[in-house]
């Protein structure tokens, strides 16, 4: 059983490497707050950027973007189901879709209040400092400092690759 940490939980992105412009434009991250229909529309726009239209030269048709073969849809944790629904939607539209499952290591940050020394109440300490110096914010904040604790954990993830339909 995992010991629960009391305090403020600060979530960090699992993305550790910066993305190139091409990777950024061909990757879609699904969040729990992402509505399904707007995700479909945004992915359709991304797919349209990379498809070749007859007689038109688009920004996304230069050499760098011609190497892009698929749009990546990524989700982890509770967004796996929504990511798979998006993949199935595009598969029903006739796109070739690959599903890749895996795990991602994420770093959680917890902030806990630092306890006052034994026998002294935090309120007593704050009142004493306020009487001595009302303008000194640093001393007041130092008494209510937060101790930061980091924990690593593994989260399930899924990546759906929607292959482009180029002539």
Foldseek 3Di string as FASTA:
>chain_A
DDDDDDFDKDFDDLDDDDDDPLLVLQEAEDDPPDDLVVVLVSNVVSLVQLEDDPPDDHPCPDPVNVPDFWRKYKYWDPCQVSSVVSLVVLVVVPWDKDKDKDKTKTKMKGWAWDADPPPDHLVNVLVVVCVVDVPDPVVNCVNRGIDMDMDIDIIIMMMMITGHDYD
